[in-house]
């Protein structure tokens, strides 16, 4: 494996679910989603997967046609130790990462040099929901970790996610991040876009449906 050709992609939304993320790799329609993904040109599975904490705030906003025209996950641009967003990171090729970004931007073509992102910490390549790439640092082996979000940095109206979208996140937190039920409830119930729309009982009900 040539290190410079691989990157870690840290997912914090529906891609916490491995099955959902693999639709971006292999193509297909994720459970609960309204859209069929085209997949990457290279459909190889991730080399490794790990749980990772992102020190940026998680929130839900906008109305996604993929997810019942309701809110989806973003992270703010401000880094601080007080923020702890659970993510699942996947070790994939640079080309696969760029293909995933392209799919998250509805197939839009773009050009970006990740070296520039690493130098500045973030770079907006397109005025779109997921048009800003964040550099989160390197792992112990020196492989860079990236994710993507918006450039509005919390300056947006928060919006509740659909049951289907939130269930996908719960599934990822439970099966991949390995959080307990109470940890998931406490984690999600305080997030902007969920707080005030879902209470702890609502989240528990979604969790129980996944267990059936």
N, C-alpha and C. Protein backbone atom coordinates (compact mmCIF):
# COMPACT_ATOMS: atom_id res chain seq x y z
N UNK A 1 0.85 -1.19 0.00
CA UNK A 1 0.00 0.00 0.00
C UNK A 1 0.88 1.24 0.00
N UNK A 2 0.70 2.08 -0.97
CA UNK A 2 1.44 3.34 -1.03
C UNK A 2 0.68 4.37 -0.21
N UNK A 3 1.32 4.84 0.84
CA UNK A 3 0.63 5.69 1.81
C UNK A 3 0.03 6.93 1.20
N UNK A 4 0.73 7.55 0.26
CA UNK A 4 0.26 8.82 -0.27
C UNK A 4 -1.01 8.68 -1.12
N UNK A 5 -1.36 7.45 -1.46
CA UNK A 5 -2.55 7.24 -2.29
C UNK A 5 -3.78 6.87 -1.47
N UNK A 6 -3.63 6.81 -0.17
CA UNK A 6 -4.75 6.44 0.70
C UNK A 6 -5.04 7.56 1.68
N UNK A 7 -6.31 7.69 2.02
CA UNK A 7 -6.72 8.67 3.03
C UNK A 7 -7.77 8.03 3.92
N UNK A 8 -7.92 8.59 5.10
CA UNK A 8 -9.03 8.22 5.97
C UNK A 8 -10.19 9.18 5.71
N UNK A 9 -11.38 8.62 5.49
CA UNK A 9 -12.59 9.44 5.42
C UNK A 9 -13.35 9.23 6.72
N UNK A 10 -13.56 10.30 7.48
CA UNK A 10 -14.28 10.23 8.75
C UNK A 10 -15.74 10.63 8.54
N UNK A 11 -16.64 9.67 8.71
CA UNK A 11 -18.06 9.91 8.50
C UNK A 11 -18.75 10.15 9.84
N UNK A 12 -19.72 11.06 9.85
CA UNK A 12 -20.40 11.41 11.10
C UNK A 12 -21.92 11.37 10.96
N UNK A 13 -22.44 11.18 9.75
CA UNK A 13 -23.88 11.15 9.51
C UNK A 13 -24.34 9.74 9.15
N UNK A 14 -25.09 9.62 8.08
CA UNK A 14 -25.63 8.31 7.72
C UNK A 14 -24.53 7.32 7.34
N UNK A 15 -23.36 7.81 6.94
CA UNK A 15 -22.26 6.90 6.59
C UNK A 15 -21.62 6.25 7.81
N UNK A 16 -22.12 6.58 9.02
CA UNK A 16 -21.75 5.78 10.18
C UNK A 16 -22.19 4.34 9.98
N UNK A 17 -23.26 4.15 9.22
CA UNK A 17 -23.72 2.81 8.86
C UNK A 17 -22.85 2.27 7.73
N UNK A 18 -22.20 1.17 7.96
CA UNK A 18 -21.32 0.59 6.95
C UNK A 18 -22.09 0.24 5.68
N UNK A 19 -23.28 -0.33 5.84
CA UNK A 19 -24.08 -0.71 4.67
C UNK A 19 -24.41 0.51 3.83
N UNK A 20 -24.73 1.62 4.49
CA UNK A 20 -25.04 2.83 3.74
C UNK A 20 -23.79 3.34 3.02
N UNK A 21 -22.66 3.38 3.72
CA UNK A 21 -21.43 3.88 3.10
C UNK A 21 -21.03 3.03 1.90
N UNK A 22 -21.21 1.72 2.00
CA UNK A 22 -20.80 0.85 0.89
C UNK A 22 -21.62 1.08 -0.37
N UNK A 23 -22.78 1.72 -0.24
CA UNK A 23 -23.54 2.11 -1.44
C UNK A 23 -22.79 3.20 -2.20
N UNK A 24 -22.02 4.04 -1.50
CA UNK A 24 -21.18 5.02 -2.16
C UNK A 24 -19.97 4.37 -2.83
N UNK A 25 -19.55 3.22 -2.31
CA UNK A 25 -18.41 2.51 -2.89
C UNK A 25 -18.88 1.63 -4.05
N UNK A 26 -19.87 0.79 -3.79
CA UNK A 26 -20.28 -0.22 -4.77
C UNK A 26 -21.47 0.21 -5.62
N UNK A 27 -22.19 1.24 -5.18
CA UNK A 27 -23.42 1.63 -5.85
C UNK A 27 -24.61 0.94 -5.20
N UNK A 28 -25.79 1.52 -5.39
CA UNK A 28 -27.00 0.91 -4.84
C UNK A 28 -27.82 1.91 -4.06
N UNK A 29 -28.99 1.46 -3.61
CA UNK A 29 -29.91 2.33 -2.88
C UNK A 29 -29.91 1.95 -1.41
N UNK A 30 -29.47 2.85 -0.55
CA UNK A 30 -29.46 2.56 0.89
C UNK A 30 -30.86 2.40 1.44
N UNK A 31 -31.01 1.60 2.47
CA UNK A 31 -32.28 1.44 3.15
C UNK A 31 -32.77 2.80 3.65
N UNK A 32 -34.00 3.16 3.30
CA UNK A 32 -34.60 4.40 3.76
C UNK A 32 -34.31 5.60 2.89
N UNK A 33 -33.35 5.49 1.97
CA UNK A 33 -32.99 6.61 1.11
C UNK A 33 -33.87 6.64 -0.14
N UNK A 34 -34.00 7.83 -0.72
CA UNK A 34 -34.81 7.99 -1.93
C UNK A 34 -33.96 7.94 -3.20
N UNK A 35 -32.64 7.74 -3.05
CA UNK A 35 -31.76 7.85 -4.20
C UNK A 35 -30.87 6.63 -4.36
N UNK A 36 -30.67 6.23 -5.61
CA UNK A 36 -29.72 5.17 -5.93
C UNK A 36 -28.36 5.81 -6.19
N UNK A 37 -27.33 5.35 -5.48
CA UNK A 37 -25.99 5.90 -5.65
C UNK A 37 -25.25 5.16 -6.77
N UNK A 38 -24.41 5.90 -7.49
CA UNK A 38 -23.70 5.30 -8.63
C UNK A 38 -22.47 4.51 -8.19
N UNK A 39 -21.93 4.81 -7.01
CA UNK A 39 -20.74 4.13 -6.54
C UNK A 39 -19.46 4.75 -7.09
N UNK A 40 -18.32 4.23 -6.64
CA UNK A 40 -17.01 4.70 -7.09
C UNK A 40 -16.57 3.93 -8.33
N UNK A 41 -15.64 4.51 -9.08
CA UNK A 41 -15.05 3.77 -10.18
C UNK A 41 -14.30 2.55 -9.65
N UNK A 42 -13.58 2.73 -8.56
CA UNK A 42 -12.90 1.64 -7.87
C UNK A 42 -13.83 1.16 -6.76
N UNK A 43 -14.37 -0.04 -6.90
CA UNK A 43 -15.35 -0.55 -5.95
C UNK A 43 -14.74 -1.44 -4.87
N UNK A 44 -13.43 -1.30 -4.67
CA UNK A 44 -12.75 -2.06 -3.62
C UNK A 44 -13.26 -1.63 -2.25
N UNK A 45 -13.38 -2.59 -1.35
CA UNK A 45 -13.84 -2.28 0.00
C UNK A 45 -12.77 -1.53 0.78
N UNK A 46 -13.16 -0.78 1.81
CA UNK A 46 -12.17 -0.08 2.64
C UNK A 46 -11.11 -1.04 3.18
N UNK A 47 -9.88 -0.54 3.28
CA UNK A 47 -8.78 -1.35 3.80
C UNK A 47 -8.94 -1.59 5.29
N UNK A 48 -9.34 -0.55 6.02
CA UNK A 48 -9.55 -0.62 7.46
C UNK A 48 -10.72 0.27 7.84
N UNK A 49 -11.26 0.04 9.02
CA UNK A 49 -12.31 0.89 9.59
C UNK A 49 -12.04 1.07 11.07
N UNK A 50 -12.27 2.28 11.59
CA UNK A 50 -12.05 2.56 13.01
C UNK A 50 -13.03 3.62 13.49
N UNK A 51 -13.29 3.61 14.77
CA UNK A 51 -14.06 4.68 15.39
C UNK A 51 -13.14 5.87 15.66
N UNK A 52 -13.68 7.06 15.49
CA UNK A 52 -12.85 8.27 15.60
C UNK A 52 -13.70 9.40 16.17
N UNK A 53 -13.12 10.19 17.06
CA UNK A 53 -13.82 11.34 17.64
C UNK A 53 -13.42 12.61 16.88
N UNK A 54 -14.41 13.33 16.36
CA UNK A 54 -14.18 14.61 15.69
C UNK A 54 -14.50 15.73 16.68
N UNK A 55 -13.57 16.62 16.90
CA UNK A 55 -13.78 17.72 17.85
C UNK A 55 -14.41 18.93 17.18
N UNK A 56 -15.52 18.68 16.50
CA UNK A 56 -16.35 19.72 15.88
C UNK A 56 -17.80 19.41 16.22
N UNK A 57 -18.68 20.42 16.30
CA UNK A 57 -20.07 20.17 16.70
C UNK A 57 -20.91 19.56 15.59
N UNK A 58 -21.74 18.61 15.97
CA UNK A 58 -22.68 17.96 15.05
C UNK A 58 -24.03 18.67 15.12
N UNK A 59 -24.64 18.89 13.96
CA UNK A 59 -25.98 19.49 13.93
C UNK A 59 -26.72 19.01 12.68
N UNK A 60 -28.02 19.28 12.61
CA UNK A 60 -28.86 18.83 11.50
C UNK A 60 -29.58 20.03 10.90
N UNK A 61 -29.58 20.08 9.56
CA UNK A 61 -30.16 21.24 8.88
C UNK A 61 -30.56 20.88 7.45
N UNK A 62 -31.19 21.85 6.78
CA UNK A 62 -31.60 21.75 5.37
C UNK A 62 -32.71 20.71 5.17
N UNK A 63 -33.05 20.47 3.91
CA UNK A 63 -34.08 19.49 3.52
C UNK A 63 -33.53 18.66 2.38
N UNK A 64 -33.23 17.42 2.66
CA UNK A 64 -32.57 16.55 1.69
C UNK A 64 -33.57 15.72 0.90
N UNK A 65 -33.45 15.76 -0.43
CA UNK A 65 -34.33 14.93 -1.26
C UNK A 65 -34.01 13.45 -1.08
N UNK A 66 -32.80 13.15 -0.63
CA UNK A 66 -32.45 11.75 -0.37
C UNK A 66 -33.23 11.20 0.82
N UNK A 67 -33.51 12.08 1.79
CA UNK A 67 -34.03 11.63 3.08
C UNK A 67 -35.31 12.36 3.43
N UNK A 68 -36.37 12.09 2.63
CA UNK A 68 -37.73 12.54 2.92
C UNK A 68 -37.85 14.06 3.08
N UNK A 69 -36.97 14.79 2.39
CA UNK A 69 -36.99 16.26 2.42
C UNK A 69 -36.89 16.81 3.85
N UNK A 70 -36.09 16.15 4.66
CA UNK A 70 -35.87 16.61 6.03
C UNK A 70 -34.37 16.78 6.28
N UNK A 71 -34.02 17.15 7.51
CA UNK A 71 -32.65 17.55 7.82
C UNK A 71 -31.63 16.41 7.73
N UNK A 72 -30.39 16.81 7.47
CA UNK A 72 -29.28 15.87 7.44
C UNK A 72 -28.12 16.42 8.27
N UNK A 73 -27.12 15.60 8.50
CA UNK A 73 -26.05 15.94 9.43
C UNK A 73 -24.97 16.80 8.78
N UNK A 74 -24.46 17.73 9.57
CA UNK A 74 -23.30 18.55 9.21
C UNK A 74 -22.44 18.68 10.47
N UNK A 75 -21.19 19.10 10.29
CA UNK A 75 -20.40 19.51 11.45
C UNK A 75 -19.94 20.95 11.24
N UNK A 76 -19.85 21.67 12.36
CA UNK A 76 -19.38 23.05 12.30
C UNK A 76 -17.89 23.11 12.03
N UNK A 77 -17.43 24.27 11.61
CA UNK A 77 -16.03 24.44 11.22
C UNK A 77 -15.12 24.73 12.40
N UNK A 78 -15.70 25.07 13.54
CA UNK A 78 -14.89 25.43 14.71
C UNK A 78 -14.48 24.19 15.49
N UNK A 79 -13.18 24.04 15.69
CA UNK A 79 -12.66 22.90 16.45
C UNK A 79 -12.46 23.29 17.90
N UNK A 80 -12.91 22.43 18.82
CA UNK A 80 -12.71 22.66 20.25
C UNK A 80 -12.84 21.32 20.97
N UNK A 81 -12.08 21.15 22.03
CA UNK A 81 -12.08 19.88 22.76
C UNK A 81 -13.45 19.58 23.37
N UNK A 82 -14.26 20.61 23.61
CA UNK A 82 -15.57 20.36 24.22
C UNK A 82 -16.52 19.65 23.26
N UNK A 83 -16.24 19.70 21.97
CA UNK A 83 -17.08 19.02 20.99
C UNK A 83 -16.58 17.60 20.78
N UNK A 84 -17.49 16.64 20.89
CA UNK A 84 -17.13 15.24 20.66
C UNK A 84 -18.19 14.60 19.76
N UNK A 85 -17.88 14.58 18.47
CA UNK A 85 -18.77 13.97 17.49
C UNK A 85 -18.23 12.60 17.12
N UNK A 86 -19.04 11.56 17.34
CA UNK A 86 -18.61 10.22 17.00
C UNK A 86 -18.60 10.04 15.48
N UNK A 87 -17.54 9.43 14.99
CA UNK A 87 -17.47 9.14 13.56
C UNK A 87 -16.92 7.73 13.36
N UNK A 88 -17.14 7.24 12.18
CA UNK A 88 -16.52 5.99 11.73
C UNK A 88 -15.65 6.36 10.56
N UNK A 89 -14.37 6.06 10.67
CA UNK A 89 -13.48 6.43 9.56
C UNK A 89 -13.11 5.19 8.75
N UNK A 90 -13.01 5.41 7.44
CA UNK A 90 -12.73 4.34 6.48
C UNK A 90 -11.45 4.67 5.74
N UNK A 91 -10.56 3.70 5.64
CA UNK A 91 -9.32 3.88 4.89
C UNK A 91 -9.58 3.47 3.44
N UNK A 92 -9.61 4.46 2.56
CA UNK A 92 -9.93 4.24 1.15
C UNK A 92 -8.90 4.98 0.29
N UNK A 93 -8.95 4.73 -1.00
CA UNK A 93 -8.00 5.41 -1.87
C UNK A 93 -8.41 6.87 -2.02
N UNK A 94 -7.44 7.68 -2.40
CA UNK A 94 -7.72 9.09 -2.66
C UNK A 94 -8.80 9.22 -3.72
N UNK A 95 -8.72 8.41 -4.76
CA UNK A 95 -9.71 8.48 -5.85
C UNK A 95 -11.10 8.12 -5.33
N UNK A 96 -11.19 7.12 -4.46
CA UNK A 96 -12.48 6.76 -3.90
C UNK A 96 -13.05 7.89 -3.05
N UNK A 97 -12.19 8.51 -2.25
CA UNK A 97 -12.66 9.63 -1.43
C UNK A 97 -13.24 10.75 -2.29
N UNK A 98 -12.55 11.08 -3.37
CA UNK A 98 -13.04 12.14 -4.25
C UNK A 98 -14.33 11.72 -4.93
N UNK A 99 -14.48 10.42 -5.24
CA UNK A 99 -15.72 9.92 -5.82
C UNK A 99 -16.87 10.01 -4.82
N UNK A 100 -16.58 9.74 -3.54
CA UNK A 100 -17.60 9.87 -2.50
C UNK A 100 -18.03 11.32 -2.36
N UNK A 101 -17.06 12.24 -2.35
CA UNK A 101 -17.38 13.66 -2.28
C UNK A 101 -18.25 14.07 -3.47
N UNK A 102 -17.90 13.56 -4.64
CA UNK A 102 -18.67 13.89 -5.85
C UNK A 102 -20.12 13.43 -5.71
N UNK A 103 -20.33 12.22 -5.18
CA UNK A 103 -21.69 11.71 -5.01
C UNK A 103 -22.46 12.53 -3.98
N UNK A 104 -21.77 12.95 -2.91
CA UNK A 104 -22.42 13.78 -1.90
C UNK A 104 -22.78 15.16 -2.46
N UNK A 105 -22.16 15.53 -3.57
CA UNK A 105 -22.46 16.79 -4.24
C UNK A 105 -23.24 16.57 -5.53
N UNK A 106 -24.02 15.49 -5.53
CA UNK A 106 -24.95 15.19 -6.63
C UNK A 106 -24.26 15.08 -7.98
N UNK A 107 -23.04 14.53 -7.98
CA UNK A 107 -22.34 14.25 -9.23
C UNK A 107 -21.62 15.44 -9.84
N UNK A 108 -21.54 16.54 -9.11
CA UNK A 108 -20.89 17.74 -9.65
C UNK A 108 -19.39 17.49 -9.85
N UNK A 109 -18.86 18.01 -10.93
CA UNK A 109 -17.42 17.91 -11.15
C UNK A 109 -16.72 19.04 -10.40
N UNK A 110 -15.53 18.76 -9.92
CA UNK A 110 -14.78 19.76 -9.17
C UNK A 110 -13.31 19.41 -9.21
N UNK A 111 -12.50 20.35 -8.82
CA UNK A 111 -11.06 20.14 -8.75
C UNK A 111 -10.57 20.66 -7.41
N UNK A 112 -9.83 19.83 -6.70
CA UNK A 112 -9.30 20.25 -5.41
C UNK A 112 -8.02 19.49 -5.11
N UNK A 113 -7.07 20.17 -4.54
CA UNK A 113 -5.81 19.57 -4.12
C UNK A 113 -5.85 19.39 -2.61
N UNK A 114 -5.78 18.14 -2.15
CA UNK A 114 -5.86 17.90 -0.72
C UNK A 114 -4.65 18.43 0.03
N UNK A 115 -3.53 18.61 -0.66
CA UNK A 115 -2.37 19.25 -0.01
C UNK A 115 -2.72 20.66 0.45
N UNK A 116 -3.51 21.37 -0.35
CA UNK A 116 -3.95 22.72 0.03
C UNK A 116 -4.88 22.68 1.24
N UNK A 117 -5.73 21.65 1.29
CA UNK A 117 -6.63 21.49 2.44
C UNK A 117 -5.82 21.25 3.70
N UNK A 118 -4.78 20.42 3.59
CA UNK A 118 -3.94 20.12 4.75
C UNK A 118 -3.20 21.36 5.24
N UNK A 119 -2.81 22.22 4.33
CA UNK A 119 -2.08 23.42 4.72
C UNK A 119 -2.98 24.43 5.43
N UNK A 120 -4.21 24.55 4.96
CA UNK A 120 -5.11 25.57 5.51
C UNK A 120 -6.08 25.03 6.56
N UNK A 121 -6.24 23.72 6.63
CA UNK A 121 -7.16 23.11 7.58
C UNK A 121 -8.53 22.84 6.99
N UNK A 122 -8.94 23.65 6.02
CA UNK A 122 -10.20 23.43 5.32
C UNK A 122 -10.17 24.21 4.01
N UNK A 123 -11.01 23.79 3.09
CA UNK A 123 -11.09 24.50 1.81
C UNK A 123 -12.45 24.24 1.19
N UNK A 124 -13.10 25.31 0.76
CA UNK A 124 -14.38 25.20 0.07
C UNK A 124 -14.13 25.14 -1.43
N UNK A 125 -14.51 24.05 -2.04
CA UNK A 125 -14.31 23.88 -3.47
C UNK A 125 -15.58 24.12 -4.25
N UNK A 126 -16.70 24.22 -3.54
CA UNK A 126 -17.98 24.40 -4.22
C UNK A 126 -18.99 24.95 -3.21
N UNK A 127 -19.81 25.89 -3.63
CA UNK A 127 -20.84 26.45 -2.75
C UNK A 127 -22.01 25.48 -2.72
N UNK A 128 -21.89 24.49 -1.87
CA UNK A 128 -22.93 23.47 -1.77
C UNK A 128 -22.93 22.92 -0.35
N UNK A 129 -23.89 22.04 -0.07
CA UNK A 129 -24.03 21.53 1.28
C UNK A 129 -22.75 20.86 1.79
N UNK A 130 -22.16 20.04 0.95
CA UNK A 130 -20.95 19.31 1.36
C UNK A 130 -19.76 19.71 0.49
N UNK A 131 -19.66 21.00 0.26
CA UNK A 131 -18.62 21.53 -0.61
C UNK A 131 -17.38 22.02 0.09
N UNK A 132 -17.25 21.73 1.38
CA UNK A 132 -16.07 22.14 2.15
C UNK A 132 -15.41 20.90 2.74
N UNK A 133 -14.14 20.71 2.42
CA UNK A 133 -13.39 19.57 2.95
C UNK A 133 -12.58 20.04 4.16
N UNK A 134 -12.65 19.27 5.24
CA UNK A 134 -11.89 19.55 6.45
C UNK A 134 -10.76 18.54 6.61
N UNK A 135 -9.61 19.03 6.99
CA UNK A 135 -8.48 18.18 7.35
C UNK A 135 -8.48 18.04 8.86
N UNK A 136 -8.57 16.82 9.36
CA UNK A 136 -8.71 16.56 10.79
C UNK A 136 -7.41 16.12 11.44
N UNK A 137 -6.32 16.07 10.67
CA UNK A 137 -5.05 15.62 11.20
C UNK A 137 -4.63 14.30 10.56
N UNK A 138 -3.54 13.73 11.05
CA UNK A 138 -3.04 12.44 10.57
C UNK A 138 -3.23 11.38 11.66
N UNK A 139 -3.32 10.12 11.23
CA UNK A 139 -3.32 9.06 12.23
C UNK A 139 -1.89 8.72 12.61
N UNK A 140 -1.70 7.71 13.44
CA UNK A 140 -0.37 7.37 13.94
C UNK A 140 0.59 6.95 12.84
N UNK A 141 0.04 6.52 11.71
CA UNK A 141 0.88 6.09 10.59
C UNK A 141 1.14 7.22 9.60
N UNK A 142 0.64 8.40 9.92
CA UNK A 142 0.88 9.55 9.05
C UNK A 142 -0.07 9.66 7.88
N UNK A 143 -1.19 8.94 7.93
CA UNK A 143 -2.17 9.01 6.85
C UNK A 143 -3.20 10.10 7.20
N UNK A 144 -3.45 11.04 6.31
CA UNK A 144 -4.36 12.15 6.62
C UNK A 144 -5.81 11.71 6.76
N UNK A 145 -6.53 12.43 7.62
CA UNK A 145 -7.95 12.17 7.88
C UNK A 145 -8.75 13.36 7.38
N UNK A 146 -9.75 13.09 6.55
CA UNK A 146 -10.58 14.16 5.98
C UNK A 146 -12.05 13.86 6.21
N UNK A 147 -12.84 14.91 6.21
CA UNK A 147 -14.28 14.79 6.11
C UNK A 147 -14.78 15.98 5.31
N UNK A 148 -16.09 16.09 5.15
CA UNK A 148 -16.64 17.23 4.41
C UNK A 148 -17.93 17.70 5.07
N UNK A 149 -18.21 18.97 4.88
CA UNK A 149 -19.38 19.60 5.48
C UNK A 149 -19.71 20.85 4.67
N UNK A 150 -20.48 21.76 5.27
CA UNK A 150 -20.83 23.01 4.59
C UNK A 150 -19.90 24.13 5.05
N UNK A 151 -20.00 25.28 4.39
CA UNK A 151 -19.16 26.42 4.77
C UNK A 151 -19.91 27.46 5.59
N UNK A 152 -21.17 27.20 5.95
CA UNK A 152 -21.92 28.23 6.67
C UNK A 152 -21.67 28.20 8.18
N UNK A 153 -21.07 27.13 8.71
CA UNK A 153 -20.61 27.08 10.09
C UNK A 153 -21.67 27.50 11.10
N UNK A 154 -22.75 26.77 11.17
CA UNK A 154 -23.84 26.94 12.14
C UNK A 154 -24.75 28.14 11.85
N UNK A 155 -24.42 28.93 10.83
CA UNK A 155 -25.25 30.08 10.47
C UNK A 155 -26.36 29.61 9.53
N UNK A 156 -27.25 28.78 10.06
CA UNK A 156 -28.28 28.15 9.25
C UNK A 156 -29.42 27.74 10.17
N UNK A 157 -30.62 27.63 9.62
CA UNK A 157 -31.75 27.15 10.42
C UNK A 157 -31.64 25.64 10.60
N UNK A 158 -31.75 25.19 11.83
CA UNK A 158 -31.67 23.76 12.10
C UNK A 158 -32.98 23.09 11.70
N UNK A 159 -32.89 21.83 11.32
CA UNK A 159 -34.08 21.11 10.87
C UNK A 159 -33.99 19.65 11.29
N UNK A 160 -35.11 19.11 11.72
CA UNK A 160 -35.12 17.73 12.21
C UNK A 160 -34.85 16.74 11.09
N UNK A 161 -34.10 15.68 11.36
CA UNK A 161 -33.93 14.61 10.39
C UNK A 161 -35.16 13.69 10.36
N UNK A 162 -35.33 12.99 9.27
CA UNK A 162 -36.43 12.03 9.18
C UNK A 162 -36.15 10.82 10.08
N UNK A 163 -37.19 10.06 10.38
CA UNK A 163 -37.01 8.82 11.14
C UNK A 163 -36.04 7.89 10.43
N UNK A 164 -36.15 7.83 9.10
CA UNK A 164 -35.29 6.92 8.33
C UNK A 164 -33.82 7.33 8.44
N UNK A 165 -33.56 8.62 8.34
CA UNK A 165 -32.18 9.10 8.40
C UNK A 165 -31.60 8.92 9.80
N UNK A 166 -32.39 9.30 10.80
CA UNK A 166 -31.91 9.16 12.17
C UNK A 166 -31.70 7.69 12.53
N UNK A 167 -32.56 6.83 12.00
CA UNK A 167 -32.39 5.39 12.25
C UNK A 167 -31.09 4.87 11.67
N UNK A 168 -30.70 5.40 10.51
CA UNK A 168 -29.44 5.00 9.89
C UNK A 168 -28.26 5.40 10.78
N UNK A 169 -28.33 6.58 11.35
CA UNK A 169 -27.28 7.04 12.26
C UNK A 169 -27.25 6.18 13.52
N UNK A 170 -28.42 5.90 14.07
CA UNK A 170 -28.50 5.06 15.27
C UNK A 170 -27.90 3.69 15.00
N UNK A 171 -28.22 3.13 13.84
CA UNK A 171 -27.67 1.82 13.47
C UNK A 171 -26.14 1.85 13.45
N UNK A 172 -25.58 2.91 12.86
CA UNK A 172 -24.13 3.03 12.79
C UNK A 172 -23.50 3.19 14.16
N UNK A 173 -24.13 4.01 15.01
CA UNK A 173 -23.60 4.22 16.36
C UNK A 173 -23.65 2.94 17.18
N UNK A 174 -24.67 2.14 16.94
CA UNK A 174 -24.85 0.91 17.71
C UNK A 174 -23.97 -0.22 17.19
N UNK A 175 -23.99 -0.45 15.88
CA UNK A 175 -23.29 -1.61 15.32
C UNK A 175 -21.82 -1.35 15.04
N UNK A 176 -21.48 -0.13 14.64
CA UNK A 176 -20.10 0.15 14.22
C UNK A 176 -19.29 0.89 15.28
N UNK A 177 -19.90 1.92 15.89
CA UNK A 177 -19.21 2.66 16.94
C UNK A 177 -19.30 1.92 18.27
N UNK A 178 -20.31 1.05 18.39
CA UNK A 178 -20.50 0.18 19.57
C UNK A 178 -20.86 0.97 20.83
N UNK A 179 -21.70 1.99 20.65
CA UNK A 179 -22.23 2.70 21.81
C UNK A 179 -23.40 1.91 22.39
N UNK A 180 -23.61 2.05 23.69
CA UNK A 180 -24.77 1.45 24.33
C UNK A 180 -26.02 2.25 23.99
N UNK A 181 -27.19 1.68 24.27
CA UNK A 181 -28.44 2.38 23.97
C UNK A 181 -28.52 3.72 24.71
N UNK A 182 -28.17 3.72 25.98
CA UNK A 182 -28.26 4.96 26.74
C UNK A 182 -27.25 5.99 26.25
N UNK A 183 -26.08 5.54 25.83
CA UNK A 183 -25.08 6.46 25.28
C UNK A 183 -25.59 7.10 23.98
N UNK A 184 -26.26 6.32 23.15
CA UNK A 184 -26.81 6.85 21.90
C UNK A 184 -27.89 7.88 22.18
N UNK A 185 -28.79 7.57 23.10
CA UNK A 185 -29.88 8.49 23.44
C UNK A 185 -29.32 9.80 23.98
N UNK A 186 -28.39 9.70 24.91
CA UNK A 186 -27.83 10.92 25.51
C UNK A 186 -27.04 11.73 24.48
N UNK A 187 -26.36 11.04 23.58
CA UNK A 187 -25.55 11.71 22.55
C UNK A 187 -26.43 12.48 21.58
N UNK A 188 -27.44 11.83 21.03
CA UNK A 188 -28.24 12.44 19.98
C UNK A 188 -29.22 13.48 20.51
N UNK A 189 -29.75 13.28 21.69
CA UNK A 189 -30.84 14.13 22.17
C UNK A 189 -30.42 15.58 22.40
N UNK A 190 -29.12 15.83 22.50
CA UNK A 190 -28.66 17.20 22.75
C UNK A 190 -28.22 17.94 21.48
N UNK A 191 -28.28 17.28 20.33
CA UNK A 191 -27.77 17.88 19.10
C UNK A 191 -28.78 18.87 18.51
N UNK A 192 -28.27 19.98 17.99
CA UNK A 192 -29.14 20.98 17.36
C UNK A 192 -29.76 20.39 16.09
N UNK A 193 -31.07 20.52 16.00
CA UNK A 193 -31.81 19.89 14.92
C UNK A 193 -32.53 18.63 15.40
N UNK A 194 -32.08 18.07 16.52
CA UNK A 194 -32.78 16.95 17.16
C UNK A 194 -33.45 17.44 18.44
N UNK A 195 -32.70 18.19 19.24
CA UNK A 195 -33.26 18.75 20.47
C UNK A 195 -34.46 19.64 20.14
N UNK A 196 -35.59 19.35 20.77
CA UNK A 196 -36.81 20.11 20.50
C UNK A 196 -37.70 19.45 19.47
N UNK A 197 -37.15 18.50 18.72
CA UNK A 197 -37.93 17.76 17.72
C UNK A 197 -38.12 16.30 18.13
N UNK A 198 -37.06 15.70 18.65
CA UNK A 198 -37.13 14.34 19.18
C UNK A 198 -36.76 14.39 20.66
N UNK A 199 -37.56 13.74 21.51
CA UNK A 199 -37.14 13.60 22.90
C UNK A 199 -36.48 12.23 23.08
N UNK A 200 -36.04 11.94 24.27
CA UNK A 200 -35.32 10.69 24.49
C UNK A 200 -36.19 9.46 24.23
N UNK A 201 -37.47 9.57 24.54
CA UNK A 201 -38.38 8.44 24.29
C UNK A 201 -38.52 8.18 22.79
N UNK A 202 -38.59 9.26 21.99
CA UNK A 202 -38.69 9.11 20.53
C UNK A 202 -37.47 8.36 19.99
N UNK A 203 -36.29 8.73 20.49
CA UNK A 203 -35.06 8.09 20.02
C UNK A 203 -35.03 6.63 20.44
N UNK A 204 -35.50 6.34 21.65
CA UNK A 204 -35.56 4.96 22.13
C UNK A 204 -36.50 4.13 21.27
N UNK A 205 -37.62 4.71 20.84
CA UNK A 205 -38.56 3.99 19.99
C UNK A 205 -37.92 3.62 18.64
N UNK A 206 -37.17 4.56 18.06
CA UNK A 206 -36.48 4.26 16.80
C UNK A 206 -35.45 3.15 17.01
N UNK A 207 -34.77 3.18 18.13
CA UNK A 207 -33.77 2.18 18.44
C UNK A 207 -34.41 0.80 18.60
N UNK A 208 -35.55 0.77 19.26
CA UNK A 208 -36.25 -0.50 19.47
C UNK A 208 -36.73 -1.10 18.15
N UNK A 209 -37.13 -0.25 17.20
CA UNK A 209 -37.57 -0.76 15.90
C UNK A 209 -36.42 -1.44 15.16
N UNK A 210 -35.21 -0.89 15.33
CA UNK A 210 -34.06 -1.49 14.68
C UNK A 210 -33.72 -2.86 15.24
N UNK A 211 -34.11 -3.08 16.49
CA UNK A 211 -33.78 -4.35 17.16
C UNK A 211 -34.74 -5.46 16.78
N UNK A 212 -35.86 -5.11 16.15
CA UNK A 212 -36.88 -6.13 15.81
C UNK A 212 -36.56 -6.82 14.49
